[in-house]
Amino acid sequence: MNPRSLGRQLYSSSVITSAFTPTLAAGSLDLTTAPSQRIVNLGDARGFLLEVIGTAANNQTLDVDVYGTLRVAGNYDDLPTDYEVFHWGTINATLGSNTCSGSLLTAAGTSYRYADTITWTASSFCTAWETAYGLGTTASYSPADNTIGYLIVPNFPAQGIILNITLGTATGGNAVFSFQA
């Protein structure tokens, strides 16, 4: 069977309940510092749709830095931290009133709300790669009307994704992925 997602959604198990202050220079990322920094493997998926969720009341904010990981060339004895990491861009999200439901409700609980306002800022790396390789444009859907907003990345040039969540006024943050064949 093809391991592509076929509409399957994943819920990150790393729930963030405190702000993270990076100790490295801007644009760098340490894979061992914060619990939000877990690699989500894309498998055979070409892209993904990302929905930001968080805990707090309506109109509370959080930021999500999206990083890509490329496996360092070598053999299979390399450590799981042997990755090249690049910054794809930043999501600024504002929570709406729509709470999690269905199968996500079981994992996240009713205290989580979907972000209805999503602002995407692409990094220079993202812009350069999308232009040079014709990857399509990463874009956000931001209804700002209490329905679910999301980020769509049509073709992601990496094997894995790392999210670094920085809480603004929200009290917790996470994300839901839907992989795209």
N, C-alpha and C. Protein backbone atom coordinates (compact mmCIF):
# COMPACT_ATOMS: atom_id res chain seq x y z
N MET A 1 0.83 -1.18 0.00
CA MET A 1 0.00 0.00 0.00
C MET A 1 0.87 1.24 0.00
N ASN A 2 0.46 2.23 -0.73
CA ASN A 2 1.19 3.48 -0.79
C ASN A 2 1.07 4.20 0.55
N PRO A 3 2.18 4.60 1.18
CA PRO A 3 2.11 5.22 2.50
C PRO A 3 1.68 6.69 2.47
N ARG A 4 1.27 7.22 1.33
CA ARG A 4 0.81 8.61 1.30
C ARG A 4 -0.40 8.76 2.20
N SER A 5 -0.68 9.95 2.61
CA SER A 5 -1.67 10.17 3.66
C SER A 5 -3.10 9.86 3.29
N LEU A 6 -3.49 10.13 2.06
CA LEU A 6 -4.86 9.93 1.63
C LEU A 6 -5.85 10.60 2.59
N GLY A 7 -5.51 11.81 3.02
CA GLY A 7 -6.40 12.59 3.86
C GLY A 7 -6.21 12.39 5.35
N ARG A 8 -5.29 11.56 5.75
CA ARG A 8 -5.03 11.28 7.16
C ARG A 8 -4.49 12.54 7.84
N GLN A 9 -4.88 12.76 9.08
CA GLN A 9 -4.37 13.89 9.83
C GLN A 9 -3.52 13.40 10.99
N LEU A 10 -2.50 14.17 11.31
CA LEU A 10 -1.66 13.86 12.45
C LEU A 10 -1.76 14.98 13.46
N TYR A 11 -1.64 14.63 14.71
CA TYR A 11 -1.67 15.59 15.81
C TYR A 11 -0.33 15.51 16.50
N SER A 12 0.35 16.62 16.61
CA SER A 12 1.65 16.62 17.26
C SER A 12 1.48 16.31 18.74
N SER A 13 2.28 15.42 19.27
CA SER A 13 2.16 15.04 20.68
C SER A 13 2.85 16.01 21.61
N SER A 14 3.52 17.00 21.08
CA SER A 14 4.26 17.95 21.91
C SER A 14 3.40 19.19 22.16
N VAL A 15 2.64 19.18 23.23
CA VAL A 15 1.80 20.32 23.57
C VAL A 15 2.65 21.36 24.27
N ILE A 16 2.55 22.59 23.82
CA ILE A 16 3.36 23.66 24.36
C ILE A 16 2.52 24.47 25.34
N THR A 17 3.00 24.62 26.56
CA THR A 17 2.26 25.38 27.56
C THR A 17 3.08 26.52 28.14
N SER A 18 4.27 26.74 27.63
CA SER A 18 5.06 27.87 28.11
C SER A 18 5.83 28.47 26.93
N ALA A 19 6.14 29.74 27.06
CA ALA A 19 6.86 30.42 25.99
C ALA A 19 8.28 29.87 25.89
N PHE A 20 8.82 29.84 24.69
CA PHE A 20 10.17 29.36 24.44
C PHE A 20 11.05 30.53 24.03
N THR A 21 12.16 30.70 24.72
CA THR A 21 13.10 31.76 24.38
C THR A 21 14.35 31.11 23.80
N PRO A 22 14.60 31.30 22.49
CA PRO A 22 15.76 30.65 21.89
C PRO A 22 17.06 31.22 22.44
N THR A 23 18.05 30.35 22.54
CA THR A 23 19.36 30.77 23.04
C THR A 23 20.36 30.96 21.91
N LEU A 24 19.93 30.66 20.68
CA LEU A 24 20.82 30.76 19.54
C LEU A 24 20.54 32.03 18.76
N ALA A 25 21.37 32.31 17.78
CA ALA A 25 21.18 33.49 16.95
C ALA A 25 19.88 33.38 16.15
N ALA A 26 19.34 34.50 15.74
CA ALA A 26 18.10 34.51 14.95
C ALA A 26 18.26 33.65 13.71
N GLY A 27 17.23 32.86 13.41
CA GLY A 27 17.26 32.02 12.23
C GLY A 27 17.88 30.65 12.45
N SER A 28 18.46 30.41 13.63
CA SER A 28 19.05 29.12 13.91
C SER A 28 18.10 28.31 14.79
N LEU A 29 18.33 27.02 14.87
CA LEU A 29 17.42 26.16 15.61
C LEU A 29 18.19 25.01 16.24
N ASP A 30 17.97 24.79 17.50
CA ASP A 30 18.60 23.70 18.23
C ASP A 30 17.55 22.61 18.43
N LEU A 31 17.76 21.44 17.86
CA LEU A 31 16.76 20.38 17.89
C LEU A 31 16.55 19.77 19.27
N THR A 32 17.37 20.11 20.24
CA THR A 32 17.26 19.47 21.55
C THR A 32 16.74 20.40 22.64
N THR A 33 16.42 21.64 22.32
CA THR A 33 16.09 22.62 23.35
C THR A 33 14.64 22.60 23.81
N ALA A 34 13.69 22.74 22.89
CA ALA A 34 12.30 22.94 23.29
C ALA A 34 11.43 21.75 22.90
N PRO A 35 10.40 21.45 23.68
CA PRO A 35 9.55 20.31 23.36
C PRO A 35 8.76 20.49 22.07
N SER A 36 8.65 21.73 21.57
CA SER A 36 7.91 21.93 20.33
C SER A 36 8.71 21.47 19.11
N GLN A 37 9.98 21.24 19.29
CA GLN A 37 10.84 20.95 18.15
C GLN A 37 10.97 19.45 17.93
N ARG A 38 9.94 18.86 17.36
CA ARG A 38 9.93 17.45 17.00
C ARG A 38 9.81 17.35 15.50
N ILE A 39 10.53 16.42 14.90
CA ILE A 39 10.49 16.27 13.45
C ILE A 39 9.26 15.44 13.07
N VAL A 40 8.44 16.02 12.20
CA VAL A 40 7.30 15.30 11.64
C VAL A 40 7.74 14.82 10.26
N ASN A 41 7.77 13.51 10.07
CA ASN A 41 8.25 12.93 8.82
C ASN A 41 7.15 13.03 7.75
N LEU A 42 7.50 13.56 6.58
CA LEU A 42 6.55 13.68 5.49
C LEU A 42 6.30 12.36 4.75
N GLY A 43 7.17 11.40 4.92
CA GLY A 43 7.02 10.15 4.18
C GLY A 43 7.06 10.42 2.68
N ASP A 44 6.08 9.92 1.93
CA ASP A 44 6.02 10.14 0.49
C ASP A 44 5.18 11.35 0.11
N ALA A 45 4.70 12.09 1.08
CA ALA A 45 3.87 13.26 0.78
C ALA A 45 4.72 14.36 0.13
N ARG A 46 4.13 15.09 -0.80
CA ARG A 46 4.84 16.20 -1.45
C ARG A 46 4.65 17.50 -0.71
N GLY A 47 3.51 17.67 -0.08
CA GLY A 47 3.22 18.90 0.63
C GLY A 47 2.33 18.63 1.81
N PHE A 48 1.84 19.70 2.43
CA PHE A 48 0.98 19.53 3.59
C PHE A 48 0.10 20.75 3.80
N LEU A 49 -0.96 20.51 4.53
CA LEU A 49 -1.86 21.57 4.98
C LEU A 49 -1.71 21.60 6.50
N LEU A 50 -1.54 22.77 7.07
CA LEU A 50 -1.30 22.90 8.49
C LEU A 50 -2.37 23.79 9.11
N GLU A 51 -3.04 23.29 10.13
CA GLU A 51 -4.03 24.07 10.88
C GLU A 51 -3.47 24.32 12.27
N VAL A 52 -3.41 25.57 12.68
CA VAL A 52 -2.89 25.94 14.00
C VAL A 52 -4.03 25.84 15.01
N ILE A 53 -3.74 25.23 16.15
CA ILE A 53 -4.71 25.18 17.24
C ILE A 53 -4.04 25.69 18.51
N GLY A 54 -4.84 26.20 19.43
CA GLY A 54 -4.28 26.71 20.67
C GLY A 54 -5.31 26.76 21.76
N THR A 55 -4.83 26.96 22.97
CA THR A 55 -5.73 27.10 24.12
C THR A 55 -5.72 28.54 24.56
N ALA A 56 -6.90 29.05 24.82
CA ALA A 56 -7.15 30.40 25.32
C ALA A 56 -8.50 30.83 24.77
N ALA A 57 -8.88 32.04 25.05
CA ALA A 57 -10.15 32.58 24.54
C ALA A 57 -9.96 33.04 23.10
N ASN A 58 -11.06 33.45 22.48
CA ASN A 58 -11.00 34.01 21.13
C ASN A 58 -10.00 35.16 21.07
N ASN A 59 -9.43 35.34 19.90
CA ASN A 59 -8.56 36.47 19.59
C ASN A 59 -7.24 36.48 20.35
N GLN A 60 -6.83 35.32 20.85
CA GLN A 60 -5.51 35.20 21.48
C GLN A 60 -4.53 34.74 20.40
N THR A 61 -3.26 35.02 20.58
CA THR A 61 -2.29 34.85 19.49
C THR A 61 -1.17 33.87 19.82
N LEU A 62 -0.59 33.32 18.76
CA LEU A 62 0.63 32.54 18.85
C LEU A 62 1.32 32.58 17.48
N ASP A 63 2.61 32.36 17.48
CA ASP A 63 3.40 32.33 16.25
C ASP A 63 3.97 30.93 16.06
N VAL A 64 4.05 30.51 14.81
CA VAL A 64 4.60 29.19 14.49
C VAL A 64 5.67 29.36 13.42
N ASP A 65 6.91 29.06 13.78
CA ASP A 65 7.99 29.04 12.79
C ASP A 65 8.01 27.65 12.17
N VAL A 66 8.01 27.60 10.84
CA VAL A 66 8.01 26.34 10.11
C VAL A 66 9.43 26.11 9.57
N TYR A 67 10.01 24.98 9.96
CA TYR A 67 11.35 24.61 9.51
C TYR A 67 11.26 23.32 8.71
N GLY A 68 12.18 23.15 7.78
CA GLY A 68 12.30 21.90 7.04
C GLY A 68 13.57 21.20 7.45
N THR A 69 13.57 19.88 7.32
CA THR A 69 14.76 19.10 7.64
C THR A 69 15.14 18.24 6.44
N LEU A 70 16.40 18.26 6.13
CA LEU A 70 16.97 17.40 5.08
C LEU A 70 17.96 16.47 5.74
N ARG A 71 17.83 15.20 5.47
CA ARG A 71 18.74 14.21 6.04
C ARG A 71 20.13 14.44 5.48
N VAL A 72 21.11 14.46 6.37
CA VAL A 72 22.49 14.63 5.96
C VAL A 72 22.92 13.39 5.17
N ALA A 73 23.61 13.63 4.05
CA ALA A 73 24.08 12.50 3.25
C ALA A 73 24.99 11.62 4.10
N GLY A 74 24.78 10.35 4.04
CA GLY A 74 25.58 9.42 4.83
C GLY A 74 24.90 8.07 4.84
N ASN A 75 25.27 7.28 5.79
CA ASN A 75 24.66 5.95 5.86
C ASN A 75 23.56 5.94 6.92
N TYR A 76 22.92 4.83 7.09
CA TYR A 76 21.80 4.73 8.02
C TYR A 76 22.24 4.64 9.47
N ASP A 77 23.52 4.68 9.72
CA ASP A 77 24.01 4.68 11.09
C ASP A 77 24.08 6.09 11.67
N ASP A 78 23.75 7.10 10.84
CA ASP A 78 23.77 8.48 11.33
C ASP A 78 22.77 8.63 12.46
N LEU A 79 23.06 9.53 13.35
CA LEU A 79 22.14 9.81 14.46
C LEU A 79 20.88 10.48 13.95
N PRO A 80 19.75 10.36 14.66
CA PRO A 80 18.52 11.00 14.21
C PRO A 80 18.60 12.52 14.22
N THR A 81 19.62 13.08 14.82
CA THR A 81 19.78 14.53 14.82
C THR A 81 20.68 15.02 13.69
N ASP A 82 21.10 14.12 12.79
CA ASP A 82 21.96 14.49 11.68
C ASP A 82 21.13 15.04 10.53
N TYR A 83 20.68 16.28 10.69
CA TYR A 83 19.82 16.92 9.70
C TYR A 83 20.34 18.30 9.36
N GLU A 84 20.06 18.71 8.14
CA GLU A 84 20.24 20.11 7.77
C GLU A 84 18.87 20.75 7.98
N VAL A 85 18.83 21.84 8.70
CA VAL A 85 17.57 22.50 9.04
C VAL A 85 17.52 23.87 8.38
N PHE A 86 16.38 24.19 7.77
CA PHE A 86 16.21 25.51 7.15
C PHE A 86 14.86 26.10 7.54
N HIS A 87 14.82 27.41 7.62
CA HIS A 87 13.60 28.12 8.00
C HIS A 87 12.75 28.36 6.76
N TRP A 88 11.48 27.89 6.76
CA TRP A 88 10.58 28.05 5.62
C TRP A 88 9.76 29.32 5.75
N GLY A 89 9.42 29.70 6.98
CA GLY A 89 8.66 30.93 7.19
C GLY A 89 7.97 30.92 8.54
N THR A 90 7.15 31.96 8.76
CA THR A 90 6.49 32.14 10.05
C THR A 90 5.00 32.38 9.87
N ILE A 91 4.22 31.70 10.70
CA ILE A 91 2.77 31.90 10.76
C ILE A 91 2.47 32.74 11.99
N ASN A 92 1.70 33.81 11.81
CA ASN A 92 1.15 34.56 12.94
C ASN A 92 -0.32 34.17 12.98
N ALA A 93 -0.77 33.60 14.09
CA ALA A 93 -2.12 33.06 14.17
C ALA A 93 -2.92 33.71 15.30
N THR A 94 -4.20 33.90 15.04
CA THR A 94 -5.14 34.38 16.05
C THR A 94 -6.25 33.35 16.16
N LEU A 95 -6.54 32.93 17.39
CA LEU A 95 -7.54 31.90 17.62
C LEU A 95 -8.95 32.42 17.42
N GLY A 96 -9.81 31.56 16.87
CA GLY A 96 -11.22 31.86 16.70
C GLY A 96 -12.03 31.11 17.75
N SER A 97 -13.33 31.00 17.54
CA SER A 97 -14.20 30.33 18.52
C SER A 97 -14.45 28.87 18.20
N ASN A 98 -14.01 28.38 17.04
CA ASN A 98 -14.26 27.01 16.60
C ASN A 98 -13.36 26.05 17.38
N THR A 99 -13.95 25.18 18.22
CA THR A 99 -13.17 24.24 19.02
C THR A 99 -12.96 22.93 18.27
N CYS A 100 -11.99 22.17 18.72
CA CYS A 100 -11.66 20.89 18.09
C CYS A 100 -12.81 19.91 18.25
N SER A 101 -13.02 19.08 17.23
CA SER A 101 -14.10 18.09 17.27
C SER A 101 -13.66 16.83 16.57
N GLY A 102 -14.50 15.80 16.59
CA GLY A 102 -14.21 14.55 15.91
C GLY A 102 -13.03 13.84 16.52
N SER A 103 -12.20 13.20 15.67
CA SER A 103 -11.07 12.43 16.16
C SER A 103 -10.03 13.33 16.83
N LEU A 104 -9.94 14.57 16.39
CA LEU A 104 -8.99 15.49 17.02
C LEU A 104 -9.43 15.82 18.44
N LEU A 105 -10.72 15.84 18.69
CA LEU A 105 -11.25 16.11 20.02
C LEU A 105 -10.68 15.12 21.02
N THR A 106 -10.57 13.86 20.63
CA THR A 106 -10.05 12.83 21.52
C THR A 106 -8.60 13.12 21.89
N ALA A 107 -7.80 13.56 20.93
CA ALA A 107 -6.38 13.81 21.18
C ALA A 107 -6.15 15.15 21.86
N ALA A 108 -6.82 16.20 21.41
CA ALA A 108 -6.52 17.54 21.89
C ALA A 108 -7.45 18.00 23.01
N GLY A 109 -8.71 17.62 22.96
CA GLY A 109 -9.67 18.07 23.98
C GLY A 109 -10.40 19.32 23.54
N THR A 110 -11.47 19.61 24.23
CA THR A 110 -12.33 20.74 23.85
C THR A 110 -11.72 22.10 24.17
N SER A 111 -10.65 22.13 24.93
CA SER A 111 -10.05 23.43 25.26
C SER A 111 -9.27 24.03 24.09
N TYR A 112 -9.01 23.24 23.05
CA TYR A 112 -8.28 23.75 21.89
C TYR A 112 -9.21 24.39 20.89
N ARG A 113 -8.78 25.53 20.36
CA ARG A 113 -9.52 26.26 19.33
C ARG A 113 -8.65 26.33 18.09
N TYR A 114 -9.31 26.33 16.94
CA TYR A 114 -8.60 26.53 15.68
C TYR A 114 -8.30 28.02 15.49
N ALA A 115 -7.20 28.30 14.83
CA ALA A 115 -6.90 29.68 14.44
C ALA A 115 -7.75 30.02 13.22
N ASP A 116 -8.37 31.18 13.25
CA ASP A 116 -9.18 31.61 12.10
C ASP A 116 -8.50 32.73 11.33
N THR A 117 -7.46 33.29 11.91
CA THR A 117 -6.70 34.34 11.23
C THR A 117 -5.24 33.88 11.14
N ILE A 118 -4.77 33.71 9.91
CA ILE A 118 -3.43 33.20 9.65
C ILE A 118 -2.71 34.19 8.74
N THR A 119 -1.55 34.65 9.18
CA THR A 119 -0.72 35.50 8.33
C THR A 119 0.59 34.76 8.08
N TRP A 120 0.97 34.61 6.82
CA TRP A 120 2.17 33.88 6.45
C TRP A 120 3.25 34.83 5.99
N THR A 121 4.44 34.68 6.54
CA THR A 121 5.62 35.43 6.10
C THR A 121 6.67 34.42 5.65
N ALA A 122 6.90 34.35 4.35
CA ALA A 122 7.86 33.40 3.80
C ALA A 122 9.28 33.88 4.07
N SER A 123 10.17 32.93 4.35
CA SER A 123 11.59 33.27 4.50
C SER A 123 12.20 33.48 3.12
N SER A 124 13.38 34.06 3.06
CA SER A 124 14.05 34.24 1.78
C SER A 124 14.39 32.89 1.16
N PHE A 125 14.66 31.88 1.99
CA PHE A 125 14.92 30.53 1.51
C PHE A 125 13.69 29.98 0.80
N CYS A 126 12.52 30.14 1.42
CA CYS A 126 11.25 29.67 0.83
C CYS A 126 11.00 30.34 -0.51
N THR A 127 11.12 31.64 -0.55
CA THR A 127 10.87 32.40 -1.78
C THR A 127 11.83 31.98 -2.89
N ALA A 128 13.11 31.84 -2.54
CA ALA A 128 14.12 31.45 -3.54
C ALA A 128 13.85 30.06 -4.09
N TRP A 129 13.54 29.10 -3.22
CA TRP A 129 13.31 27.72 -3.67
C TRP A 129 12.03 27.61 -4.48
N GLU A 130 10.97 28.26 -4.03
CA GLU A 130 9.71 28.18 -4.78
C GLU A 130 9.86 28.78 -6.17
N THR A 131 10.63 29.84 -6.28
CA THR A 131 10.86 30.48 -7.58
C THR A 131 11.78 29.64 -8.45
N ALA A 132 12.90 29.22 -7.90
CA ALA A 132 13.91 28.51 -8.69
C ALA A 132 13.43 27.14 -9.16
N TYR A 133 12.66 26.45 -8.35
CA TYR A 133 12.28 25.07 -8.68
C TYR A 133 10.81 24.92 -9.05
N GLY A 134 10.08 26.03 -9.15
CA GLY A 134 8.69 25.97 -9.55
C GLY A 134 7.84 25.13 -8.62
N LEU A 135 8.01 25.30 -7.32
CA LEU A 135 7.34 24.47 -6.33
C LEU A 135 5.89 24.87 -6.08
N GLY A 136 5.44 25.96 -6.64
CA GLY A 136 4.13 26.49 -6.24
C GLY A 136 4.35 27.41 -5.06
N THR A 137 3.37 28.17 -4.72
CA THR A 137 3.55 29.18 -3.67
C THR A 137 2.86 28.75 -2.38
N THR A 138 3.61 28.76 -1.29
CA THR A 138 3.03 28.53 0.03
C THR A 138 2.10 29.69 0.33
N ALA A 139 0.88 29.38 0.77
CA ALA A 139 -0.11 30.44 0.99
C ALA A 139 -0.98 30.10 2.18
N SER A 140 -1.56 31.15 2.77
CA SER A 140 -2.46 30.95 3.89
C SER A 140 -3.89 31.27 3.48
N TYR A 141 -4.81 30.56 4.09
CA TYR A 141 -6.24 30.85 3.97
C TYR A 141 -6.66 31.39 5.32
N SER A 142 -7.13 32.62 5.34
CA SER A 142 -7.42 33.29 6.59
C SER A 142 -8.81 33.91 6.55
N PRO A 143 -9.84 33.13 6.92
CA PRO A 143 -11.20 33.66 6.83
C PRO A 143 -11.53 34.72 7.88
N ALA A 144 -10.88 34.67 9.04
CA ALA A 144 -11.10 35.64 10.13
C ALA A 144 -12.57 35.76 10.51
N ASP A 145 -13.31 34.63 10.40
CA ASP A 145 -14.73 34.66 10.74
C ASP A 145 -15.12 33.47 11.61
N ASN A 146 -14.18 32.99 12.42
CA ASN A 146 -14.37 31.86 13.32
C ASN A 146 -14.50 30.51 12.62
N THR A 147 -14.18 30.45 11.32
CA THR A 147 -14.02 29.16 10.66
C THR A 147 -12.52 28.87 10.58
N ILE A 148 -12.15 27.68 10.18
CA ILE A 148 -10.76 27.24 10.28
C ILE A 148 -9.88 27.86 9.19
N GLY A 149 -8.81 28.49 9.62
CA GLY A 149 -7.79 28.99 8.70
C GLY A 149 -6.67 27.96 8.61
N TYR A 150 -5.87 28.03 7.55
CA TYR A 150 -4.79 27.06 7.40
C TYR A 150 -3.70 27.60 6.50
N LEU A 151 -2.57 26.91 6.54
CA LEU A 151 -1.44 27.16 5.66
C LEU A 151 -1.34 25.98 4.71
N ILE A 152 -1.21 26.24 3.42
CA ILE A 152 -1.04 25.17 2.44
C ILE A 152 0.35 25.29 1.82
N VAL A 153 1.09 24.20 1.88
CA VAL A 153 2.42 24.12 1.28
C VAL A 153 2.32 23.05 0.19
N PRO A 154 2.18 23.44 -1.08
CA PRO A 154 1.91 22.46 -2.13
C PRO A 154 3.05 21.48 -2.40
N ASN A 155 4.27 21.96 -2.33
CA ASN A 155 5.45 21.11 -2.57
C ASN A 155 6.54 21.53 -1.59
N PHE A 156 6.84 20.67 -0.66
CA PHE A 156 7.82 21.00 0.37
C PHE A 156 9.12 20.27 0.07
N PRO A 157 10.24 20.98 -0.06
CA PRO A 157 11.49 20.36 -0.50
C PRO A 157 12.29 19.70 0.63
N ALA A 158 11.61 19.05 1.55
CA ALA A 158 12.31 18.43 2.68
C ALA A 158 11.60 17.14 3.07
N GLN A 159 12.31 16.32 3.85
CA GLN A 159 11.73 15.07 4.33
C GLN A 159 10.94 15.24 5.61
N GLY A 160 11.20 16.31 6.32
CA GLY A 160 10.54 16.49 7.61
C GLY A 160 10.23 17.95 7.90
N ILE A 161 9.37 18.13 8.89
CA ILE A 161 8.93 19.46 9.30
C ILE A 161 9.19 19.59 10.80
N ILE A 162 9.65 20.76 11.20
CA ILE A 162 9.76 21.10 12.61
C ILE A 162 8.96 22.38 12.81
N LEU A 163 8.13 22.40 13.84
CA LEU A 163 7.41 23.60 14.20
C LEU A 163 7.98 24.13 15.51
N ASN A 164 8.25 25.40 15.54
CA ASN A 164 8.67 26.04 16.78
C ASN A 164 7.56 27.02 17.15
N ILE A 165 6.82 26.72 18.19
CA ILE A 165 5.66 27.53 18.57
C ILE A 165 6.05 28.51 19.66
N THR A 166 5.76 29.77 19.42
CA THR A 166 6.00 30.82 20.40
C THR A 166 4.66 31.39 20.80
N LEU A 167 4.34 31.28 22.07
CA LEU A 167 3.05 31.77 22.55
C LEU A 167 3.06 33.29 22.66
N GLY A 168 1.99 33.88 22.17
CA GLY A 168 1.77 35.31 22.40
C GLY A 168 0.88 35.41 23.63
N THR A 169 -0.43 35.61 23.40
CA THR A 169 -1.38 35.65 24.50
C THR A 169 -2.09 34.33 24.69
N ALA A 170 -1.90 33.37 23.78
CA ALA A 170 -2.48 32.03 23.95
C ALA A 170 -1.74 31.31 25.08
N THR A 171 -2.41 30.35 25.71
CA THR A 171 -1.80 29.62 26.82
C THR A 171 -1.23 28.28 26.40
N GLY A 172 -1.50 27.84 25.18
CA GLY A 172 -0.96 26.59 24.65
C GLY A 172 -1.06 26.61 23.14
N GLY A 173 -0.25 25.81 22.48
CA GLY A 173 -0.27 25.79 21.02
C GLY A 173 0.11 24.44 20.46
N ASN A 174 -0.40 24.13 19.28
CA ASN A 174 -0.10 22.89 18.60
C ASN A 174 -0.52 23.04 17.15
N ALA A 175 -0.49 21.97 16.40
CA ALA A 175 -0.88 22.03 14.99
C ALA A 175 -1.40 20.69 14.52
N VAL A 176 -2.23 20.73 13.49
CA VAL A 176 -2.77 19.54 12.85
C VAL A 176 -2.27 19.54 11.42
N PHE A 177 -1.69 18.42 10.98
CA PHE A 177 -1.17 18.29 9.61
C PHE A 177 -2.10 17.40 8.80
N SER A 178 -2.29 17.75 7.56
CA SER A 178 -2.90 16.86 6.56
C SER A 178 -1.90 16.80 5.42
N PHE A 179 -1.37 15.62 5.17
CA PHE A 179 -0.36 15.47 4.13
C PHE A 179 -1.02 15.40 2.77
N GLN A 180 -0.34 15.97 1.77
CA GLN A 180 -0.85 16.05 0.40
C GLN A 180 -0.02 15.15 -0.50
N ALA A 181 -0.68 14.31 -1.27
CA ALA A 181 0.00 13.39 -2.18
C ALA A 181 0.62 14.14 -3.33
